[in-house]
Amino acid sequence: MEVQETRVQTNRVLTIPNILSMARLVGVPVFLWLILRPEFGGPQSDGWALLVLMFSGVSDYLDGKLARRWNQISSLGRLLDPAADRLYILSTLVGLTWREILPLWLTAALLARELMLLVMVGILRRHGYPPPQVNFLGKAATFNLMYAFPLLLLSDGSGWLASLATIFGWAFAGWGTTLYWWAGILYVVQVRWLVKADAVAD
């Protein structure tokens, strides 16, 4: 969700925000299939892939907003929302790197951040803590990347639209990658504080 919550208002599974998050998860393999169709001899389906990404962005905004407005923040939603974000980023990285739209260094930088976060989650679990909640900075990074990826997909063409998409796509990609790592470093600092506090308590 967009803000940290200290209390879970509901344990219900079938809430509107959770259904939106589930729909986003279902869209991940659909998006990857659409973006990779030309690589396997199929027709180009970038327009449909862009629509799936647009749906993901809209639903990502709505699930957090509706969950707070309708008091439907749930433990399941706290898992589904960041999981959908990361899977979309991962599938987009795979698809755009496969098509040589994204360079390997950018893909490696974003994947290295995800690996770092997985290590932090493992450390938290060993100390009896849940995974870190998505903070505003992490959400801002995701929004920037979600703008960057469709624009970079549009840049794989010719004409003035592709040129504009290239400029703005790389701008969003730069900001998104920077914020993504910044949020990751903040997670590392939070984990360090918790581990240090446990050590002092023992």
Protein backbone atom coordinates (compact mmCIF):
# COMPACT_ATOMS: atom_id res chain seq x y z
CA MET A 1 0.00 0.00 0.00
CA GLU A 2 1.10 3.62 -0.36
CA VAL A 3 1.43 4.34 3.35
CA GLN A 4 2.51 2.28 6.30
CA GLU A 5 -0.25 0.99 8.53
CA THR A 6 0.29 -0.44 12.00
CA ARG A 7 -3.11 -2.11 12.26
CA VAL A 8 -4.86 -4.59 10.00
CA GLN A 9 -8.51 -3.58 9.71
CA THR A 10 -9.81 -6.80 8.17
CA ASN A 11 -8.83 -10.41 7.60
CA ARG A 12 -11.24 -10.79 4.68
CA VAL A 13 -9.80 -12.16 1.47
CA LEU A 14 -12.42 -11.18 -1.12
CA THR A 15 -12.30 -7.41 -0.83
CA ILE A 16 -12.31 -5.05 -3.80
CA PRO A 17 -8.67 -3.96 -3.21
CA ASN A 18 -7.53 -7.60 -2.98
CA ILE A 19 -9.44 -8.53 -6.12
CA LEU A 20 -7.72 -5.67 -7.96
CA SER A 21 -4.34 -6.89 -6.74
CA MET A 22 -5.17 -10.45 -7.82
CA ALA A 23 -6.18 -9.19 -11.26
CA ARG A 24 -2.83 -7.41 -11.52
CA LEU A 25 -1.05 -10.66 -10.71
CA VAL A 26 -3.03 -12.50 -13.41
CA GLY A 27 -1.96 -9.82 -15.87
CA VAL A 28 1.77 -10.47 -15.33
CA PRO A 29 2.09 -13.60 -17.53
CA VAL A 30 -0.34 -12.08 -20.05
CA PHE A 31 1.86 -9.01 -20.37
CA LEU A 32 5.03 -11.07 -20.72
CA TRP A 33 3.43 -13.24 -23.42
CA LEU A 34 2.26 -10.16 -25.34
CA ILE A 35 5.61 -8.43 -25.23
CA LEU A 36 7.55 -11.53 -26.32
CA ARG A 37 5.24 -12.68 -29.14
CA PRO A 38 7.36 -11.06 -31.90
CA GLU A 39 10.45 -12.88 -30.61
CA PHE A 40 8.77 -16.23 -31.27
CA GLY A 41 7.39 -15.46 -34.72
CA GLY A 42 4.06 -14.03 -33.61
CA PRO A 43 2.55 -10.65 -34.48
CA GLN A 44 3.61 -7.57 -32.58
CA SER A 45 1.25 -6.96 -29.68
CA ASP A 46 2.85 -3.93 -28.04
CA GLY A 47 -0.44 -2.03 -28.01
CA TRP A 48 -2.13 -4.75 -25.97
CA ALA A 49 0.92 -4.99 -23.71
CA LEU A 50 0.67 -1.26 -23.07
CA LEU A 51 -3.00 -1.61 -22.15
CA VAL A 52 -2.14 -4.30 -19.61
CA LEU A 53 0.52 -2.04 -18.11
CA MET A 54 -1.97 0.86 -17.97
CA PHE A 55 -4.45 -1.37 -16.15
CA SER A 56 -1.71 -2.35 -13.72
CA GLY A 57 -0.89 1.27 -12.97
CA VAL A 58 -4.53 2.29 -12.45
CA SER A 59 -5.34 -0.72 -10.29
CA ASP A 60 -2.15 -0.17 -8.27
CA TYR A 61 -3.40 3.31 -7.40
CA LEU A 62 -6.97 2.20 -6.72
CA ASP A 63 -6.29 -0.80 -4.49
CA GLY A 64 -4.41 1.28 -1.91
CA LYS A 65 -6.84 4.20 -2.06
CA LEU A 66 -9.95 2.03 -1.76
CA ALA A 67 -8.43 -0.11 0.99
CA ARG A 68 -7.88 2.95 3.15
CA ARG A 69 -11.17 4.65 2.30
CA TRP A 70 -13.28 1.52 2.91
CA ASN A 71 -11.22 0.23 5.85
CA GLN A 72 -10.30 -2.89 3.90
CA ILE A 73 -6.56 -2.92 4.59
CA SER A 74 -5.66 -6.58 5.09
CA SER A 75 -2.67 -8.79 5.71
CA LEU A 76 -3.26 -10.45 2.32
CA GLY A 77 -3.35 -7.07 0.60
CA ARG A 78 -0.04 -6.16 2.19
CA LEU A 79 1.46 -9.21 0.50
CA LEU A 80 -0.34 -9.01 -2.84
CA ASP A 81 0.33 -5.34 -3.58
CA PRO A 82 4.16 -5.35 -3.39
CA ALA A 83 4.25 -8.82 -4.97
CA ALA A 84 2.33 -7.57 -8.00
CA ASP A 85 4.60 -4.51 -8.25
CA ARG A 86 7.78 -6.59 -8.22
CA LEU A 87 6.45 -9.22 -10.62
CA TYR A 88 5.45 -6.55 -13.14
CA ILE A 89 8.87 -4.97 -12.86
CA LEU A 90 10.55 -8.37 -13.24
CA SER A 91 8.43 -9.41 -16.23
CA THR A 92 8.99 -6.05 -17.91
CA LEU A 93 12.72 -6.29 -17.34
CA VAL A 94 12.77 -9.78 -18.88
CA GLY A 95 10.66 -8.74 -21.87
CA LEU A 96 12.40 -5.46 -22.67
CA THR A 97 15.87 -6.89 -22.11
CA TRP A 98 15.07 -9.88 -24.32
CA ARG A 99 14.00 -7.48 -27.06
CA GLU A 100 17.15 -5.40 -26.46
CA ILE A 101 15.17 -2.30 -25.57
CA LEU A 102 16.71 -2.17 -22.10
CA PRO A 103 20.47 -2.49 -21.64
CA LEU A 104 21.82 -5.26 -19.46
CA TRP A 105 23.39 -2.82 -16.97
CA LEU A 106 20.03 -1.30 -16.09
CA THR A 107 18.42 -4.71 -15.73
CA ALA A 108 21.31 -5.84 -13.53
CA ALA A 109 21.02 -2.72 -11.34
CA LEU A 110 17.30 -3.26 -10.71
CA LEU A 111 17.66 -7.00 -10.12
CA ALA A 112 20.56 -6.41 -7.70
CA ARG A 113 18.28 -4.17 -5.64
CA GLU A 114 15.64 -6.90 -5.53
CA LEU A 115 18.25 -9.43 -4.43
CA MET A 116 19.36 -7.08 -1.66
CA LEU A 117 15.76 -6.73 -0.47
CA LEU A 118 15.32 -10.52 -0.40
CA VAL A 119 18.38 -10.78 1.81
CA MET A 120 16.89 -8.16 4.16
CA VAL A 121 13.58 -10.03 4.31
CA GLY A 122 15.48 -13.20 5.24
CA ILE A 123 17.28 -11.38 8.05
CA LEU A 124 13.99 -9.97 9.36
CA ARG A 125 12.37 -13.41 9.38
CA ARG A 126 15.26 -14.86 11.35
CA HIS A 127 14.59 -12.19 13.97
CA GLY A 128 10.84 -12.78 13.97
CA TYR A 129 9.83 -9.68 12.02
CA PRO A 130 7.47 -9.53 9.01
CA PRO A 131 8.69 -8.23 5.62
CA PRO A 132 9.07 -4.42 5.51
CA GLN A 133 6.03 -2.46 4.44
CA VAL A 134 6.17 -0.51 1.19
CA ASN A 135 7.01 3.11 1.98
CA PHE A 136 6.22 6.25 0.00
CA LEU A 137 9.68 6.37 -1.54
CA GLY A 138 9.43 2.78 -2.78
CA LYS A 139 5.99 3.47 -4.20
CA ALA A 140 7.28 6.59 -5.98
CA ALA A 141 10.10 4.53 -7.48
CA THR A 142 7.61 1.95 -8.73
CA PHE A 143 5.41 4.64 -10.30
CA ASN A 144 8.42 6.11 -12.11
CA LEU A 145 9.40 2.70 -13.47
CA MET A 146 5.82 1.94 -14.46
CA TYR A 147 5.84 5.14 -16.53
CA ALA A 148 9.31 4.41 -17.91
CA PHE A 149 8.66 0.89 -19.19
CA PRO A 150 5.68 1.61 -21.48
CA LEU A 151 7.44 4.70 -22.81
CA LEU A 152 10.56 2.69 -23.57
CA LEU A 153 8.37 0.08 -25.26
CA LEU A 154 6.91 2.87 -27.41
CA SER A 155 10.43 4.04 -28.24
CA ASP A 156 11.01 0.78 -30.14
CA GLY A 157 9.78 2.34 -33.34
CA SER A 158 10.24 5.36 -35.57
CA GLY A 159 8.86 8.87 -35.86
CA TRP A 160 8.33 11.76 -33.49
CA LEU A 161 6.29 9.69 -31.00
CA ALA A 162 9.12 7.18 -30.60
CA SER A 163 11.61 10.03 -30.17
CA LEU A 164 9.54 11.66 -27.43
CA ALA A 165 8.99 8.30 -25.77
CA THR A 166 12.73 7.71 -25.72
CA ILE A 167 13.43 11.03 -23.98
CA PHE A 168 10.73 10.77 -21.34
CA GLY A 169 11.14 7.00 -20.95
CA TRP A 170 14.80 7.31 -20.02
CA ALA A 171 14.07 10.25 -17.72
CA PHE A 172 11.54 8.18 -15.78
CA ALA A 173 13.88 5.18 -15.84
CA GLY A 174 16.69 7.23 -14.34
CA TRP A 175 14.56 8.66 -11.57
CA GLY A 176 12.89 5.34 -10.92
CA THR A 177 16.16 3.44 -10.63
CA THR A 178 17.63 6.09 -8.31
CA LEU A 179 14.55 6.10 -6.06
CA TYR A 180 14.39 2.29 -6.15
CA TRP A 181 17.90 2.05 -4.75
CA TRP A 182 17.28 4.87 -2.28
CA ALA A 183 14.25 3.04 -0.90
CA GLY A 184 16.29 -0.17 -0.77
CA ILE A 185 19.03 1.53 1.25
CA LEU A 186 16.41 2.83 3.68
CA TYR A 187 15.17 -0.76 4.12
CA VAL A 188 18.72 -1.84 4.92
CA VAL A 189 19.01 0.94 7.55
CA GLN A 190 15.67 -0.10 9.10
CA VAL A 191 16.73 -3.74 9.25
CA ARG A 192 20.06 -2.76 10.82
CA TRP A 193 18.26 -0.75 13.53
CA LEU A 194 15.92 -3.66 14.32
CA VAL A 195 18.74 -6.20 14.49
CA LYS A 196 20.81 -3.86 16.64
CA ALA A 197 17.87 -3.28 18.98
CA ASP A 198 17.38 -7.05 19.34
CA ALA A 199 21.06 -7.48 20.14
CA VAL A 200 20.86 -4.79 22.85
CA ALA A 201 17.68 -6.34 24.29
CA ASP A 202 19.38 -9.75 24.56
